[in-house]
Every structure is written in C-alpha cells, then in structure tokens.
Full PDB file with SEQRES, HELIX, SHEET, SSBOND, CRYST1, ORIGX, SCALE, CONECT and MASTER records, all heavy atoms in Angstrom:
SEQRES   1 A   33  THR HIS ASP ARG GLY PHE ALA MET THR THR SER PHE THR          
SEQRES   2 A   33  SER MET LEU LEU ALA ALA ALA SER ALA PHE GLY VAL LEU          
SEQRES   3 A   33  PRO PRO GLY ALA THR ALA GLU                                  
HELIX    1 AA1 THR A   10  ALA A   22  1                                  13    
CRYST1    1.000    1.000    1.000  90.00  90.00  90.00 P 1           1          
ORIGX1      1.000000  0.000000  0.000000        0.00000                         
ORIGX2      0.000000  1.000000  0.000000        0.00000                         
ORIGX3      0.000000  0.000000  1.000000        0.00000                         
SCALE1      1.000000  0.000000  0.000000        0.00000                         
SCALE2      0.000000  1.000000  0.000000        0.00000                         
SCALE3      0.000000  0.000000  1.000000        0.00000                         
ATOM      1  N   THR A   1       0.820  -1.221   0.000  1.00  0.00           N  
ATOM      2  CA  THR A   1       0.000   0.000   0.000  1.00  0.00           C  
ATOM      3  C   THR A   1       0.846   1.260   0.000  1.00  0.00           C  
ATOM      4  O   THR A   1       0.316   2.361  -0.166  1.00  0.00           O  
ATOM      5  CB  THR A   1      -0.926   0.039   1.230  1.00  0.00           C  
ATOM      6  OG1 THR A   1      -0.142   0.222   2.425  1.00  0.00           O  
ATOM      7  CG2 THR A   1      -1.735  -1.238   1.352  1.00  0.00           C  
ATOM      8  N   HIS A   2       2.151   1.104   0.208  1.00  0.00           N  
ATOM      9  CA  HIS A   2       3.054   2.257   0.258  1.00  0.00           C  
ATOM     10  C   HIS A   2       3.446   2.630  -1.174  1.00  0.00           C  
ATOM     11  O   HIS A   2       4.503   2.253  -1.666  1.00  0.00           O  
ATOM     12  CB  HIS A   2       4.287   1.921   1.099  1.00  0.00           C  
ATOM     13  CG  HIS A   2       5.197   3.071   1.339  1.00  0.00           C  
ATOM     14  ND1 HIS A   2       6.516   2.919   1.706  1.00  0.00           N  
ATOM     15  CD2 HIS A   2       4.991   4.405   1.268  1.00  0.00           C  
ATOM     16  CE1 HIS A   2       7.073   4.099   1.855  1.00  0.00           C  
ATOM     17  NE2 HIS A   2       6.171   5.015   1.582  1.00  0.00           N  
ATOM     18  N   ASP A   3       2.562   3.360  -1.846  1.00  0.00           N  
ATOM     19  CA  ASP A   3       2.741   3.676  -3.267  1.00  0.00           C  
ATOM     20  C   ASP A   3       4.124   4.251  -3.548  1.00  0.00           C  
ATOM     21  O   ASP A   3       4.559   5.212  -2.905  1.00  0.00           O  
ATOM     22  CB  ASP A   3       1.696   4.700  -3.721  1.00  0.00           C  
ATOM     23  CG  ASP A   3       0.276   4.176  -3.629  1.00  0.00           C  
ATOM     24  OD1 ASP A   3       0.077   2.988  -3.911  1.00  0.00           O  
ATOM     25  OD2 ASP A   3      -0.614   4.965  -3.269  1.00  0.00           O  
ATOM     26  N   ARG A   4       4.780   3.688  -4.543  1.00  0.00           N  
ATOM     27  CA  ARG A   4       6.081   4.211  -4.973  1.00  0.00           C  
ATOM     28  C   ARG A   4       5.942   5.261  -6.062  1.00  0.00           C  
ATOM     29  O   ARG A   4       6.844   6.057  -6.287  1.00  0.00           O  
ATOM     30  CB  ARG A   4       6.971   3.075  -5.467  1.00  0.00           C  
ATOM     31  CG  ARG A   4       7.830   2.396  -4.393  1.00  0.00           C  
ATOM     32  CD  ARG A   4       7.037   1.760  -3.285  1.00  0.00           C  
ATOM     33  NE  ARG A   4       7.901   1.035  -2.333  1.00  0.00           N  
ATOM     34  CZ  ARG A   4       7.448   0.326  -1.318  1.00  0.00           C  
ATOM     35  NH1 ARG A   4       6.134   0.214  -1.102  1.00  0.00           N  
ATOM     36  NH2 ARG A   4       8.281  -0.280  -0.497  1.00  0.00           N  
ATOM     37  N   GLY A   5       4.821   5.256  -6.772  1.00  0.00           N  
ATOM     38  CA  GLY A   5       4.573   6.306  -7.754  1.00  0.00           C  
ATOM     39  C   GLY A   5       4.307   7.633  -7.066  1.00  0.00           C  
ATOM     40  O   GLY A   5       4.081   7.704  -5.856  1.00  0.00           O  
ATOM     41  N   PHE A   6       4.304   8.700  -7.845  1.00  0.00           N  
ATOM     42  CA  PHE A   6       4.089  10.036  -7.281  1.00  0.00           C  
ATOM     43  C   PHE A   6       2.716  10.154  -6.624  1.00  0.00           C  
ATOM     44  O   PHE A   6       2.591  10.641  -5.499  1.00  0.00           O  
ATOM     45  CB  PHE A   6       4.224  11.085  -8.394  1.00  0.00           C  
ATOM     46  CG  PHE A   6       3.884  12.479  -7.974  1.00  0.00           C  
ATOM     47  CD1 PHE A   6       4.826  13.288  -7.370  1.00  0.00           C  
ATOM     48  CD2 PHE A   6       2.603  12.992  -8.167  1.00  0.00           C  
ATOM     49  CE1 PHE A   6       4.510  14.576  -6.954  1.00  0.00           C  
ATOM     50  CE2 PHE A   6       2.272  14.267  -7.768  1.00  0.00           C  
ATOM     51  CZ  PHE A   6       3.234  15.071  -7.160  1.00  0.00           C  
ATOM     52  N   ALA A   7       1.692   9.711  -7.318  1.00  0.00           N  
ATOM     53  CA  ALA A   7       0.317   9.927  -6.858  1.00  0.00           C  
ATOM     54  C   ALA A   7      -0.098   8.836  -5.871  1.00  0.00           C  
ATOM     55  O   ALA A   7       0.225   7.661  -6.040  1.00  0.00           O  
ATOM     56  CB  ALA A   7      -0.636   9.942  -8.047  1.00  0.00           C  
ATOM     57  N   MET A   8      -0.835   9.239  -4.844  1.00  0.00           N  
ATOM     58  CA  MET A   8      -1.402   8.282  -3.904  1.00  0.00           C  
ATOM     59  C   MET A   8      -2.638   7.641  -4.518  1.00  0.00           C  
ATOM     60  O   MET A   8      -3.581   8.325  -4.884  1.00  0.00           O  
ATOM     61  CB  MET A   8      -1.761   8.982  -2.591  1.00  0.00           C  
ATOM     62  CG  MET A   8      -0.556   9.402  -1.764  1.00  0.00           C  
ATOM     63  SD  MET A   8      -1.014  10.337  -0.271  1.00  0.00           S  
ATOM     64  CE  MET A   8      -2.015   9.128   0.610  1.00  0.00           C  
ATOM     65  N   THR A   9      -2.620   6.320  -4.621  1.00  0.00           N  
ATOM     66  CA  THR A   9      -3.757   5.578  -5.162  1.00  0.00           C  
ATOM     67  C   THR A   9      -4.151   4.472  -4.182  1.00  0.00           C  
ATOM     68  O   THR A   9      -5.096   4.627  -3.419  1.00  0.00           O  
ATOM     69  CB  THR A   9      -3.413   5.007  -6.556  1.00  0.00           C  
ATOM     70  OG1 THR A   9      -2.190   4.258  -6.485  1.00  0.00           O  
ATOM     71  CG2 THR A   9      -3.266   6.131  -7.576  1.00  0.00           C  
ATOM     72  N   THR A  10      -3.360   3.383  -4.157  1.00  0.00           N  
ATOM     73  CA  THR A  10      -3.633   2.317  -3.191  1.00  0.00           C  
ATOM     74  C   THR A  10      -3.580   2.836  -1.758  1.00  0.00           C  
ATOM     75  O   THR A  10      -4.380   2.429  -0.909  1.00  0.00           O  
ATOM     76  CB  THR A  10      -2.617   1.175  -3.349  1.00  0.00           C  
ATOM     77  OG1 THR A  10      -2.729   0.620  -4.655  1.00  0.00           O  
ATOM     78  CG2 THR A  10      -2.866   0.068  -2.334  1.00  0.00           C  
ATOM     79  N   SER A  11      -2.642   3.715  -1.470  1.00  0.00           N  
ATOM     80  CA  SER A  11      -2.506   4.214  -0.097  1.00  0.00           C  
ATOM     81  C   SER A  11      -3.751   4.982   0.330  1.00  0.00           C  
ATOM     82  O   SER A  11      -4.201   4.869   1.478  1.00  0.00           O  
ATOM     83  CB  SER A  11      -1.262   5.093   0.034  1.00  0.00           C  
ATOM     84  OG  SER A  11      -1.243   6.103  -0.944  1.00  0.00           O  
ATOM     85  N   PHE A  12      -4.342   5.744  -0.582  1.00  0.00           N  
ATOM     86  CA  PHE A  12      -5.555   6.492  -0.248  1.00  0.00           C  
ATOM     87  C   PHE A  12      -6.702   5.553   0.098  1.00  0.00           C  
ATOM     88  O   PHE A  12      -7.320   5.653   1.162  1.00  0.00           O  
ATOM     89  CB  PHE A  12      -5.963   7.387  -1.423  1.00  0.00           C  
ATOM     90  CG  PHE A  12      -7.327   8.004  -1.265  1.00  0.00           C  
ATOM     91  CD1 PHE A  12      -7.531   9.090  -0.429  1.00  0.00           C  
ATOM     92  CD2 PHE A  12      -8.423   7.488  -1.956  1.00  0.00           C  
ATOM     93  CE1 PHE A  12      -8.791   9.654  -0.274  1.00  0.00           C  
ATOM     94  CE2 PHE A  12      -9.688   8.042  -1.808  1.00  0.00           C  
ATOM     95  CZ  PHE A  12      -9.866   9.135  -0.961  1.00  0.00           C  
ATOM     96  N   THR A  13      -7.005   4.616  -0.782  1.00  0.00           N  
ATOM     97  CA  THR A  13      -8.156   3.739  -0.545  1.00  0.00           C  
ATOM     98  C   THR A  13      -7.912   2.814   0.642  1.00  0.00           C  
ATOM     99  O   THR A  13      -8.838   2.502   1.402  1.00  0.00           O  
ATOM    100  CB  THR A  13      -8.500   2.911  -1.792  1.00  0.00           C  
ATOM    101  OG1 THR A  13      -7.348   2.163  -2.215  1.00  0.00           O  
ATOM    102  CG2 THR A  13      -8.966   3.808  -2.936  1.00  0.00           C  
ATOM    103  N   SER A  14      -6.667   2.376   0.825  1.00  0.00           N  
ATOM    104  CA  SER A  14      -6.378   1.449   1.913  1.00  0.00           C  
ATOM    105  C   SER A  14      -6.480   2.130   3.274  1.00  0.00           C  
ATOM    106  O   SER A  14      -7.016   1.550   4.235  1.00  0.00           O  
ATOM    107  CB  SER A  14      -4.983   0.843   1.732  1.00  0.00           C  
ATOM    108  OG  SER A  14      -4.918   0.072   0.552  1.00  0.00           O  
ATOM    109  N   MET A  15      -5.971   3.353   3.393  1.00  0.00           N  
ATOM    110  CA  MET A  15      -6.092   4.066   4.668  1.00  0.00           C  
ATOM    111  C   MET A  15      -7.544   4.433   4.957  1.00  0.00           C  
ATOM    112  O   MET A  15      -8.000   4.378   6.102  1.00  0.00           O  
ATOM    113  CB  MET A  15      -5.189   5.299   4.672  1.00  0.00           C  
ATOM    114  CG  MET A  15      -3.715   4.974   4.796  1.00  0.00           C  
ATOM    115  SD  MET A  15      -2.667   6.416   5.129  1.00  0.00           S  
ATOM    116  CE  MET A  15      -2.658   7.233   3.527  1.00  0.00           C  
ATOM    117  N   LEU A  16      -8.290   4.801   3.916  1.00  0.00           N  
ATOM    118  CA  LEU A  16      -9.717   5.093   4.083  1.00  0.00           C  
ATOM    119  C   LEU A  16     -10.453   3.860   4.591  1.00  0.00           C  
ATOM    120  O   LEU A  16     -11.234   3.924   5.554  1.00  0.00           O  
ATOM    121  CB  LEU A  16     -10.307   5.553   2.751  1.00  0.00           C  
ATOM    122  CG  LEU A  16     -11.832   5.765   2.698  1.00  0.00           C  
ATOM    123  CD1 LEU A  16     -12.273   6.848   3.662  1.00  0.00           C  
ATOM    124  CD2 LEU A  16     -12.273   6.093   1.265  1.00  0.00           C  
ATOM    125  N   LEU A  17     -10.198   2.724   3.966  1.00  0.00           N  
ATOM    126  CA  LEU A  17     -10.868   1.491   4.358  1.00  0.00           C  
ATOM    127  C   LEU A  17     -10.454   1.057   5.758  1.00  0.00           C  
ATOM    128  O   LEU A  17     -11.291   0.612   6.558  1.00  0.00           O  
ATOM    129  CB  LEU A  17     -10.564   0.391   3.344  1.00  0.00           C  
ATOM    130  CG  LEU A  17     -11.121  -0.998   3.644  1.00  0.00           C  
ATOM    131  CD1 LEU A  17     -12.629  -0.962   3.822  1.00  0.00           C  
ATOM    132  CD2 LEU A  17     -10.728  -1.964   2.531  1.00  0.00           C  
ATOM    133  N   ALA A  18      -9.173   1.186   6.080  1.00  0.00           N  
ATOM    134  CA  ALA A  18      -8.694   0.788   7.401  1.00  0.00           C  
ATOM    135  C   ALA A  18      -9.378   1.597   8.489  1.00  0.00           C  
ATOM    136  O   ALA A  18      -9.810   1.052   9.515  1.00  0.00           O  
ATOM    137  CB  ALA A  18      -7.178   0.952   7.487  1.00  0.00           C  
ATOM    138  N   ALA A  19      -9.499   2.902   8.287  1.00  0.00           N  
ATOM    139  CA  ALA A  19     -10.144   3.751   9.284  1.00  0.00           C  
ATOM    140  C   ALA A  19     -11.636   3.440   9.387  1.00  0.00           C  
ATOM    141  O   ALA A  19     -12.185   3.353  10.485  1.00  0.00           O  
ATOM    142  CB  ALA A  19      -9.929   5.222   8.937  1.00  0.00           C  
ATOM    143  N   ALA A  20     -12.293   3.283   8.239  1.00  0.00           N  
ATOM    144  CA  ALA A  20     -13.723   2.980   8.247  1.00  0.00           C  
ATOM    145  C   ALA A  20     -13.997   1.658   8.956  1.00  0.00           C  
ATOM    146  O   ALA A  20     -14.985   1.515   9.683  1.00  0.00           O  
ATOM    147  CB  ALA A  20     -14.255   2.937   6.815  1.00  0.00           C  
ATOM    148  N   SER A  21     -13.106   0.699   8.784  1.00  0.00           N  
ATOM    149  CA  SER A  21     -13.253  -0.598   9.453  1.00  0.00           C  
ATOM    150  C   SER A  21     -12.941  -0.478  10.943  1.00  0.00           C  
ATOM    151  O   SER A  21     -13.629  -1.071  11.781  1.00  0.00           O  
ATOM    152  CB  SER A  21     -12.330  -1.629   8.804  1.00  0.00           C  
ATOM    153  OG  SER A  21     -12.649  -1.812   7.430  1.00  0.00           O  
ATOM    154  N   ALA A  22     -11.909   0.283  11.270  1.00  0.00           N  
ATOM    155  CA  ALA A  22     -11.508   0.432  12.674  1.00  0.00           C  
ATOM    156  C   ALA A  22     -12.623   1.061  13.504  1.00  0.00           C  
ATOM    157  O   ALA A  22     -12.886   0.643  14.639  1.00  0.00           O  
ATOM    158  CB  ALA A  22     -10.238   1.267  12.776  1.00  0.00           C  
ATOM    159  N   PHE A  23     -13.294   2.065  12.935  1.00  0.00           N  
ATOM    160  CA  PHE A  23     -14.366   2.754  13.657  1.00  0.00           C  
ATOM    161  C   PHE A  23     -15.727   2.075  13.472  1.00  0.00           C  
ATOM    162  O   PHE A  23     -16.719   2.497  14.067  1.00  0.00           O  
ATOM    163  CB  PHE A  23     -14.453   4.211  13.214  1.00  0.00           C  
ATOM    164  CG  PHE A  23     -13.363   5.073  13.785  1.00  0.00           C  
ATOM    165  CD1 PHE A  23     -12.283   5.450  12.997  1.00  0.00           C  
ATOM    166  CD2 PHE A  23     -13.401   5.497  15.101  1.00  0.00           C  
ATOM    167  CE1 PHE A  23     -11.262   6.243  13.510  1.00  0.00           C  
ATOM    168  CE2 PHE A  23     -12.392   6.286  15.631  1.00  0.00           C  
ATOM    169  CZ  PHE A  23     -11.308   6.658  14.832  1.00  0.00           C  
ATOM    170  N   GLY A  24     -15.775   1.058  12.627  1.00  0.00           N  
ATOM    171  CA  GLY A  24     -17.014   0.323  12.438  1.00  0.00           C  
ATOM    172  C   GLY A  24     -18.045   1.023  11.589  1.00  0.00           C  
ATOM    173  O   GLY A  24     -19.212   0.603  11.578  1.00  0.00           O  
ATOM    174  N   VAL A  25     -17.660   2.066  10.855  1.00  0.00           N  
ATOM    175  CA  VAL A  25     -18.628   2.728   9.981  1.00  0.00           C  
ATOM    176  C   VAL A  25     -18.825   1.942   8.686  1.00  0.00           C  
ATOM    177  O   VAL A  25     -19.766   2.200   7.940  1.00  0.00           O  
ATOM    178  CB  VAL A  25     -18.234   4.202   9.681  1.00  0.00           C  
ATOM    179  CG1 VAL A  25     -18.353   5.035  10.932  1.00  0.00           C  
ATOM    180  CG2 VAL A  25     -16.839   4.299   9.096  1.00  0.00           C  
ATOM    181  N   LEU A  26     -17.943   0.985   8.423  1.00  0.00           N  
ATOM    182  CA  LEU A  26     -18.169  -0.035   7.397  1.00  0.00           C  
ATOM    183  C   LEU A  26     -18.092  -1.390   8.084  1.00  0.00           C  
ATOM    184  O   LEU A  26     -17.088  -1.697   8.740  1.00  0.00           O  
ATOM    185  CB  LEU A  26     -17.128   0.044   6.281  1.00  0.00           C  
ATOM    186  CG  LEU A  26     -17.317   1.118   5.214  1.00  0.00           C  
ATOM    187  CD1 LEU A  26     -16.208   1.026   4.176  1.00  0.00           C  
ATOM    188  CD2 LEU A  26     -18.673   1.019   4.539  1.00  0.00           C  
ATOM    189  N   PRO A  27     -19.112  -2.212   7.955  1.00  0.00           N  
ATOM    190  CA  PRO A  27     -19.095  -3.520   8.614  1.00  0.00           C  
ATOM    191  C   PRO A  27     -18.165  -4.484   7.887  1.00  0.00           C  
ATOM    192  O   PRO A  27     -17.802  -4.260   6.720  1.00  0.00           O  
ATOM    193  CB  PRO A  27     -20.549  -3.968   8.510  1.00  0.00           C  
ATOM    194  CG  PRO A  27     -21.063  -3.298   7.275  1.00  0.00           C  
ATOM    195  CD  PRO A  27     -20.371  -1.964   7.235  1.00  0.00           C  
ATOM    196  N   PRO A  28     -17.755  -5.576   8.530  1.00  0.00           N  
ATOM    197  CA  PRO A  28     -16.919  -6.584   7.860  1.00  0.00           C  
ATOM    198  C   PRO A  28     -17.591  -7.087   6.582  1.00  0.00           C  
ATOM    199  O   PRO A  28     -18.796  -7.310   6.537  1.00  0.00           O  
ATOM    200  CB  PRO A  28     -16.826  -7.704   8.909  1.00  0.00           C  
ATOM    201  CG  PRO A  28     -17.026  -7.008  10.224  1.00  0.00           C  
ATOM    202  CD  PRO A  28     -18.019  -5.913   9.946  1.00  0.00           C  
ATOM    203  N   GLY A  29     -16.792  -7.216   5.538  1.00  0.00           N  
ATOM    204  CA  GLY A  29     -17.303  -7.703   4.259  1.00  0.00           C  
ATOM    205  C   GLY A  29     -17.954  -6.651   3.389  1.00  0.00           C  
ATOM    206  O   GLY A  29     -18.443  -6.954   2.301  1.00  0.00           O  
ATOM    207  N   ALA A  30     -17.915  -5.385   3.826  1.00  0.00           N  
ATOM    208  CA  ALA A  30     -18.611  -4.325   3.092  1.00  0.00           C  
ATOM    209  C   ALA A  30     -17.998  -4.038   1.734  1.00  0.00           C  
ATOM    210  O   ALA A  30     -18.646  -3.442   0.871  1.00  0.00           O  
ATOM    211  CB  ALA A  30     -18.636  -3.043   3.927  1.00  0.00           C  
ATOM    212  N   THR A  31     -16.759  -4.466   1.522  1.00  0.00           N  
ATOM    213  CA  THR A  31     -16.098  -4.127   0.259  1.00  0.00           C  
ATOM    214  C   THR A  31     -16.172  -5.243  -0.777  1.00  0.00           C  
ATOM    215  O   THR A  31     -15.631  -5.090  -1.870  1.00  0.00           O  
ATOM    216  CB  THR A  31     -14.614  -3.794   0.499  1.00  0.00           C  
ATOM    217  OG1 THR A  31     -13.960  -4.955   1.044  1.00  0.00           O  
ATOM    218  CG2 THR A  31     -14.465  -2.624   1.443  1.00  0.00           C  
ATOM    219  N   ALA A  32     -16.828  -6.342  -0.470  1.00  0.00           N  
ATOM    220  CA  ALA A  32     -16.835  -7.468  -1.409  1.00  0.00           C  
ATOM    221  C   ALA A  32     -17.408  -7.065  -2.761  1.00  0.00           C  
ATOM    222  O   ALA A  32     -16.771  -7.258  -3.811  1.00  0.00           O  
ATOM    223  CB  ALA A  32     -17.618  -8.638  -0.821  1.00  0.00           C  
ATOM    224  N   GLU A  33     -18.598  -6.486  -2.763  1.00  0.00           N  
ATOM    225  CA  GLU A  33     -19.218  -6.096  -4.036  1.00  0.00           C  
ATOM    226  C   GLU A  33     -18.528  -4.893  -4.670  1.00  0.00           C  
ATOM    227  O   GLU A  33     -18.290  -4.883  -5.887  1.00  0.00           O  
ATOM    228  CB  GLU A  33     -20.709  -5.844  -3.829  1.00  0.00           C  
ATOM    229  CG  GLU A  33     -21.475  -7.135  -3.530  1.00  0.00           C  
ATOM    230  CD  GLU A  33     -22.969  -6.912  -3.384  1.00  0.00           C  
ATOM    231  OE1 GLU A  33     -23.391  -5.756  -3.262  1.00  0.00           O  
ATOM    232  OE2 GLU A  33     -23.708  -7.910  -3.387  1.00  0.00           O  
TER     233      GLU A  33                                                      
MASTER        0    0    0    1    0    0    0    6  232    1    0    3          
END                                                                             
C-alpha cells in the first residue's frame, strides 16, 4: 500500500478502508461487491 509512484492511489483507498473498518462505519465484508 506504500505507493512508490508520485500519486497516492492504493494508499488512499487502503487508509480510508482501514479507518472505516476500525471505527465500524463499514461492517466486515462491506467491500466485497
């Protein structure tokens, strides 16, 4: 997730998802679809 390119791509979505999961605003399995 530590993007080596200039622009943040994977790092943006991964940190967003990690926080949403940590605080429970997205339940487990919410990203499957």
